[in-house]
């Protein structure tokens, strides 16, 4: 399988165009909103797959989840994501796990040394709270108590206490997600400072237009082109019932003989579209629901625990992030 290093050594040996810029992360920090806004710009081409995650060898999934989309597995497949771009367009992709990855910065530099990098950082406690809920919804996580989930980092690093449906157990190392200085340093070791843009999620949320203009200037495209704004702050949902979710999974994707018999019985009772709509409503109304606000005691403990990381980031960026994040 050809890699980014092969392309860097001999670009003419591989057909395709490498991206000009990368939104590298973090999850739950406005990367999807930025991706959706940038792809509206006529001078920008974004891959249809929002998170191809190809240039992060350490972020390979253990398996493709049942509802997951097949991701590119070869360099040719990856570069084909950008084949529809015109020569005049800036080409980009958004894989939030690239900032968390320990190898992505080097792999991106091998593929595209002139790449521009966009990173988005969020206050650690609120970030981990939102990330934990997302991992629960996607079955990467099964422990509903965030502090208990963080306490499992040690066993999980050794391959123990991994939920059976967790296709990306790497993401369960919560503390590693907020080692912002180490993450940024990996990119600054590979790219000059003028090629790396560091955004703060809270700034993006409070000044959507100003942050978007900053990004467009960074990418050297028309910053005055009107773009429809996308809400940066998304509604946070949680898993209401693991049992109901398991039932939906059993009825739609289960491979056992009982699951196949249950699907056959449902097919005899209702048309396909009716079945799909009923299961969709069940998942969105009974399985998922609005998350309760985080407990202040938990958030206070997280802020205290990760305060040294924020202090390191403040020194690294030359900006008082303790004051910014409260």
Protein backbone atom coordinates (compact mmCIF):
# COMPACT_ATOMS: atom_id res chain seq x y z
CA UNK A 1 0.00 0.00 0.00
CA UNK A 2 1.43 3.36 -1.01
CA UNK A 3 1.83 5.94 1.72
CA UNK A 4 2.31 9.68 2.03
CA UNK A 5 6.07 9.12 2.09
CA UNK A 6 5.88 7.45 -1.35
CA UNK A 7 4.06 10.48 -2.73
CA UNK A 8 6.60 12.87 -1.22
CA UNK A 9 9.53 10.92 -2.67
CA UNK A 10 8.02 10.64 -6.15
CA UNK A 11 4.81 12.68 -6.71
CA UNK A 12 4.56 11.71 -10.38
CA UNK A 13 4.29 8.03 -9.42
CA UNK A 14 0.85 8.57 -7.89
CA UNK A 15 -2.06 10.12 -9.74
CA UNK A 16 -4.00 12.72 -7.82
CA UNK A 17 -3.79 16.02 -6.04
CA UNK A 18 -2.87 16.35 -2.39
CA UNK A 19 -4.84 18.76 -0.18
CA UNK A 20 -3.58 22.31 0.29
CA UNK A 21 -4.90 22.62 3.84
CA UNK A 22 -6.09 20.47 6.72
CA UNK A 23 -8.54 21.15 9.56
CA UNK A 24 -6.80 18.92 12.09
CA UNK A 25 -9.12 19.18 15.11
CA UNK A 26 -10.27 18.95 17.82
CA UNK A 27 -13.55 17.03 17.95
CA UNK A 28 -16.50 18.95 19.45
CA UNK A 29 -14.69 22.23 18.83
CA UNK A 30 -16.39 23.67 15.77
CA UNK A 31 -14.56 21.66 13.11
CA UNK A 32 -17.80 20.49 11.47
CA UNK A 33 -19.20 24.03 11.36
CA UNK A 34 -15.98 25.32 9.80
CA UNK A 35 -15.96 22.47 7.28
CA UNK A 36 -19.57 23.17 6.27
CA UNK A 37 -18.93 26.90 5.84
CA UNK A 38 -15.70 26.53 3.87
CA UNK A 39 -17.18 24.03 1.45
CA UNK A 40 -19.67 26.72 0.34
CA UNK A 41 -16.83 28.94 -0.93
CA UNK A 42 -16.32 28.73 -4.71
CA UNK A 43 -12.53 28.99 -4.30
CA UNK A 44 -12.42 26.02 -1.92
CA UNK A 45 -12.99 22.30 -2.47
CA UNK A 46 -13.57 20.07 0.55
CA UNK A 47 -13.76 16.27 0.37
CA UNK A 48 -17.28 14.85 0.66
CA UNK A 49 -16.05 12.55 3.42
CA UNK A 50 -15.64 14.97 6.29
CA UNK A 51 -13.18 12.84 8.26
CA UNK A 52 -11.15 10.53 5.97
CA UNK A 53 -8.51 10.11 8.73
CA UNK A 54 -6.10 8.57 6.21
CA UNK A 55 -2.98 10.46 7.30
CA UNK A 56 -2.92 9.12 10.86
CA UNK A 57 -1.49 5.62 10.97
CA UNK A 58 -2.03 5.42 14.72
CA UNK A 59 -5.75 6.14 14.35
CA UNK A 60 -6.72 3.10 12.30
CA UNK A 61 -10.01 1.60 13.48
CA UNK A 62 -10.15 -1.95 14.84
CA UNK A 63 -13.13 -2.54 12.56
CA UNK A 64 -15.66 -0.57 10.54
CA UNK A 65 -18.69 0.10 12.77
CA UNK A 66 -22.03 -1.15 11.41
CA UNK A 67 -23.29 2.34 10.59
CA UNK A 68 -19.84 3.59 9.60
CA UNK A 69 -18.76 4.83 6.21
CA UNK A 70 -15.91 3.07 4.44
CA UNK A 71 -12.80 5.25 4.56
CA UNK A 72 -9.95 5.34 2.04
CA UNK A 73 -7.40 2.58 2.62
CA UNK A 74 -4.82 3.43 -0.05
CA UNK A 75 -3.13 6.64 -1.10
CA UNK A 76 -4.83 6.42 -4.49
CA UNK A 77 -8.25 6.15 -2.83
CA UNK A 78 -7.44 9.06 -0.55
CA UNK A 79 -6.28 11.36 -3.36
CA UNK A 80 -9.34 10.43 -5.41
CA UNK A 81 -11.45 12.28 -2.81
CA UNK A 82 -10.16 15.52 -4.33
CA UNK A 83 -10.29 14.60 -8.01
CA UNK A 84 -13.28 16.89 -8.71
CA UNK A 85 -11.45 20.02 -7.59
CA UNK A 86 -10.52 22.58 -10.25
CA UNK A 87 -6.91 23.80 -10.55
CA UNK A 88 -7.94 27.22 -9.20
CA UNK A 89 -9.47 25.90 -5.99
CA UNK A 90 -7.83 25.43 -2.62
CA UNK A 91 -8.29 21.79 -1.65
CA UNK A 92 -8.87 20.76 1.95
CA UNK A 93 -10.08 18.08 4.30
CA UNK A 94 -11.11 17.95 7.96
CA UNK A 95 -10.07 15.09 10.23
CA UNK A 96 -10.36 16.16 13.88
CA UNK A 97 -8.33 13.18 15.07
CA UNK A 98 -5.22 14.52 13.27
CA UNK A 99 -4.49 16.85 16.20
CA UNK A 100 -4.81 14.00 18.70
CA UNK A 101 -2.71 11.67 16.52
CA UNK A 102 1.00 11.37 17.26
CA UNK A 103 1.88 10.58 13.64
CA UNK A 104 -0.44 12.74 11.52
CA UNK A 105 1.71 15.91 11.53
CA UNK A 106 4.64 14.00 10.07
CA UNK A 107 2.47 12.14 7.56
CA UNK A 108 0.82 15.37 6.38
CA UNK A 109 4.24 17.02 5.97
CA UNK A 110 5.45 14.05 3.90
CA UNK A 111 2.44 14.32 1.62
CA UNK A 112 2.23 18.12 1.39
CA UNK A 113 5.11 20.16 2.89
CA UNK A 114 3.36 23.41 1.88
CA UNK A 115 0.13 22.47 3.66
CA UNK A 116 -1.67 24.98 5.85
CA UNK A 117 -2.86 23.65 9.16
CA UNK A 118 -5.94 24.80 11.11
CA UNK A 119 -6.27 23.68 14.74
CA UNK A 120 -9.16 24.55 17.07
CA UNK A 121 -8.75 24.30 20.85
CA UNK A 122 -11.53 24.30 23.43
CA UNK A 123 -11.54 24.79 27.20
CA UNK A 124 -10.49 21.33 28.46
CA UNK A 125 -13.31 20.57 30.92
CA UNK A 126 -16.16 21.46 28.53
CA UNK A 127 -14.31 19.74 25.69
CA UNK A 128 -13.94 16.46 27.58
CA UNK A 129 -17.57 16.62 28.72
CA UNK A 130 -18.78 16.93 25.10
CA UNK A 131 -16.26 14.39 23.80
CA UNK A 132 -17.35 11.83 26.39
CA UNK A 133 -21.00 12.17 25.33
CA UNK A 134 -20.03 11.75 21.68
CA UNK A 135 -18.00 8.63 22.43
CA UNK A 136 -20.96 7.19 24.35
CA UNK A 137 -23.28 7.81 21.38
CA UNK A 138 -20.85 6.19 18.96
CA UNK A 139 -20.22 3.21 21.30
CA UNK A 140 -16.51 3.95 21.56
CA UNK A 141 -17.22 4.46 25.28
CA UNK A 142 -19.54 2.58 27.62
CA UNK A 143 -18.75 4.13 31.01
CA UNK A 144 -21.34 6.86 31.59
CA UNK A 145 -19.46 8.57 34.43
CA UNK A 146 -16.81 10.85 32.92
CA UNK A 147 -14.48 10.79 35.94
CA UNK A 148 -14.67 6.99 36.07
CA UNK A 149 -13.98 6.85 32.33
CA UNK A 150 -10.86 8.99 32.81
CA UNK A 151 -9.77 6.71 35.66
CA UNK A 152 -9.83 3.78 33.20
CA UNK A 153 -7.11 5.32 31.01
CA UNK A 154 -4.39 3.10 32.50
CA UNK A 155 -6.08 -0.28 31.99
CA UNK A 156 -7.31 0.75 28.56
CA UNK A 157 -3.82 1.77 27.47
CA UNK A 158 -2.89 -1.84 28.22
CA UNK A 159 -5.81 -3.13 26.14
CA UNK A 160 -8.12 -3.92 29.07
CA UNK A 161 -11.62 -2.60 29.86
CA UNK A 162 -12.26 -1.81 26.17
CA UNK A 163 -15.99 -1.76 25.26
CA UNK A 164 -16.68 -4.55 22.71
CA UNK A 165 -18.24 -2.13 20.19
CA UNK A 166 -15.37 0.37 20.49
CA UNK A 167 -13.84 0.68 17.02
CA UNK A 168 -11.42 3.48 18.04
CA UNK A 169 -10.28 2.74 21.61
CA UNK A 170 -7.38 5.15 21.09
CA UNK A 171 -9.84 7.96 21.73
CA UNK A 172 -10.48 6.72 25.27
CA UNK A 173 -7.23 8.30 26.50
CA UNK A 174 -9.03 11.45 27.62
CA UNK A 175 -6.05 13.19 29.19
CA UNK A 176 -4.08 12.88 25.96
CA UNK A 177 -6.76 14.89 24.14
CA UNK A 178 -5.99 18.03 26.15
CA UNK A 179 -2.20 17.95 25.89
CA UNK A 180 -2.57 20.92 23.58
CA UNK A 181 1.02 22.16 23.74
CA UNK A 182 2.46 18.77 22.76
CA UNK A 183 -0.04 18.52 19.90
CA UNK A 184 0.77 21.98 18.53
CA UNK A 185 4.49 21.39 18.91
CA UNK A 186 4.25 18.33 16.66
CA UNK A 187 2.91 20.56 13.88
CA UNK A 188 5.35 23.40 14.51
CA UNK A 189 8.19 20.89 14.22
CA UNK A 190 6.99 20.00 10.73
CA UNK A 191 5.69 23.35 9.41
CA UNK A 192 6.81 26.99 9.71
CA UNK A 193 4.63 29.15 11.97
CA UNK A 194 3.02 31.02 9.07
CA UNK A 195 1.50 27.71 7.88
CA UNK A 196 -0.20 26.91 11.20
CA UNK A 197 -3.33 28.73 12.40
CA UNK A 198 -4.47 28.11 15.98
CA UNK A 199 -8.07 29.07 16.73
CA UNK A 200 -9.90 29.10 20.04
CA UNK A 201 -13.35 27.50 19.99
CA UNK A 202 -14.85 30.08 22.33
CA UNK A 203 -13.66 32.91 20.03
CA UNK A 204 -15.17 31.10 17.05
CA UNK A 205 -18.48 30.66 18.87
CA UNK A 206 -18.66 34.31 20.00
CA UNK A 207 -17.43 35.87 16.75
CA UNK A 208 -18.39 33.51 13.95
CA UNK A 209 -17.86 36.06 11.19
CA UNK A 210 -14.53 37.35 12.46
CA UNK A 211 -13.07 33.88 12.87
CA UNK A 212 -14.28 32.79 9.44
CA UNK A 213 -12.68 35.84 7.85
CA UNK A 214 -9.42 35.03 9.64
CA UNK A 215 -9.49 31.54 8.16
CA UNK A 216 -10.25 32.80 4.64
CA UNK A 217 -7.34 35.25 4.85
CA UNK A 218 -5.11 32.43 6.05
CA UNK A 219 -6.13 30.35 3.03
CA UNK A 220 -5.69 33.38 0.72
CA UNK A 221 -9.18 33.26 -0.76
CA UNK A 222 -11.83 35.97 -1.07
CA UNK A 223 -12.86 36.81 2.49
CA UNK A 224 -15.80 38.93 1.32
CA UNK A 225 -17.64 36.13 -0.47
CA UNK A 226 -20.98 35.63 1.37
CA UNK A 227 -21.22 32.31 3.20
CA UNK A 228 -24.14 30.93 5.14
CA UNK A 229 -23.13 30.67 8.78
CA UNK A 230 -23.43 27.33 10.54
CA UNK A 231 -24.21 27.18 14.25
CA UNK A 232 -20.95 26.51 16.04
CA UNK A 233 -22.61 25.51 19.31
CA UNK A 234 -24.45 22.27 18.70
CA UNK A 235 -27.19 20.77 20.89
CA UNK A 236 -25.59 18.19 23.18
CA UNK A 237 -27.33 14.84 23.26
CA UNK A 238 -26.75 11.76 25.35
CA UNK A 239 -27.69 8.10 25.38
CA UNK A 240 -30.98 7.81 27.29
CA UNK A 241 -31.18 4.04 27.20
CA UNK A 242 -28.36 1.65 26.35
CA UNK A 243 -30.90 -1.19 26.34
CA UNK A 244 -33.07 0.47 23.68
CA UNK A 245 -30.01 1.30 21.61
CA UNK A 246 -28.91 -2.33 21.81
CA UNK A 247 -32.41 -3.32 20.68
CA UNK A 248 -32.22 -1.02 17.64
CA UNK A 249 -28.79 -2.42 16.82
CA UNK A 250 -30.13 -5.97 17.21
CA UNK A 251 -33.10 -5.31 14.90
CA UNK A 252 -31.14 -3.49 12.20
CA UNK A 253 -27.59 -4.84 12.23
CA UNK A 254 -27.45 -7.95 14.39
CA UNK A 255 -25.93 -10.99 12.66
CA UNK A 256 -27.09 -13.75 14.98
CA UNK A 257 -29.84 -16.20 14.01
CA UNK A 258 -32.37 -14.60 16.43
CA UNK A 259 -31.62 -11.17 14.95
CA UNK A 260 -32.20 -12.46 11.42
CA UNK A 261 -35.47 -14.08 12.48
CA UNK A 262 -36.60 -10.82 14.15
CA UNK A 263 -35.86 -8.88 10.96
CA UNK A 264 -37.74 -11.43 8.89
CA UNK A 265 -40.78 -11.04 11.17
CA UNK A 266 -40.62 -7.25 10.86
CA UNK A 267 -40.40 -7.51 7.07
CA UNK A 268 -43.61 -9.50 7.06
CA UNK A 269 -45.39 -6.87 9.16
CA UNK A 270 -44.38 -3.58 7.52
CA UNK A 271 -42.83 -2.16 4.34
CA UNK A 272 -39.12 -1.30 4.38
CA UNK A 273 -39.62 2.48 4.51
CA UNK A 274 -42.06 2.19 7.40
CA UNK A 275 -39.63 -0.01 9.34
CA UNK A 276 -36.76 2.39 8.77
CA UNK A 277 -38.77 5.41 9.86
CA UNK A 278 -40.03 3.64 12.97
CA UNK A 279 -36.51 2.66 14.02
CA UNK A 280 -35.20 6.16 13.27
CA UNK A 281 -37.89 7.71 15.47
CA UNK A 282 -37.19 5.18 18.20
CA UNK A 283 -33.49 6.03 18.18
CA UNK A 284 -33.90 9.81 18.10
CA UNK A 285 -36.81 10.08 20.56
CA UNK A 286 -36.34 7.19 22.94
CA UNK A 287 -32.66 6.23 22.69
CA UNK A 288 -31.12 9.71 22.44
CA UNK A 289 -32.12 12.85 24.30
CA UNK A 290 -30.83 16.23 25.48
CA UNK A 291 -27.94 15.89 27.89
CA UNK A 292 -28.20 17.30 31.39
CA UNK A 293 -25.81 20.18 32.14
CA UNK A 294 -22.51 18.93 33.57
CA UNK A 295 -22.19 18.87 37.34
CA UNK A 296 -20.26 21.88 38.57
CA UNK A 297 -18.23 19.73 40.98
CA UNK A 298 -17.08 17.54 38.09
CA UNK A 299 -16.19 20.53 35.92
CA UNK A 300 -14.30 22.16 38.79
CA UNK A 301 -12.31 18.98 39.36
CA UNK A 302 -11.46 18.74 35.66
CA UNK A 303 -10.37 22.38 35.49
CA UNK A 304 -8.11 21.87 38.48
CA UNK A 305 -6.70 18.62 37.09
CA UNK A 306 -5.85 20.10 33.69
CA UNK A 307 -4.84 23.58 34.86
CA UNK A 308 -1.12 22.77 34.31
CA UNK A 309 -1.88 21.98 30.65
CA UNK A 310 -3.62 25.34 30.26
CA UNK A 311 -0.67 27.09 31.89
CA UNK A 312 1.72 25.37 29.47
CA UNK A 313 -0.49 26.41 26.55
CA UNK A 314 -0.58 30.01 27.78
CA UNK A 315 3.20 30.14 27.77
CA UNK A 316 3.43 28.41 24.39
CA UNK A 317 0.93 30.71 22.67
CA UNK A 318 1.93 33.86 24.54
CA UNK A 319 -1.69 34.33 25.55
CA UNK A 320 -3.35 34.09 28.96
CA UNK A 321 -5.61 31.09 28.38
CA UNK A 322 -6.37 30.79 32.10
CA UNK A 323 -8.12 34.17 31.89
CA UNK A 324 -9.78 33.31 28.57
CA UNK A 325 -11.15 30.01 29.79
CA UNK A 326 -12.02 31.13 33.30
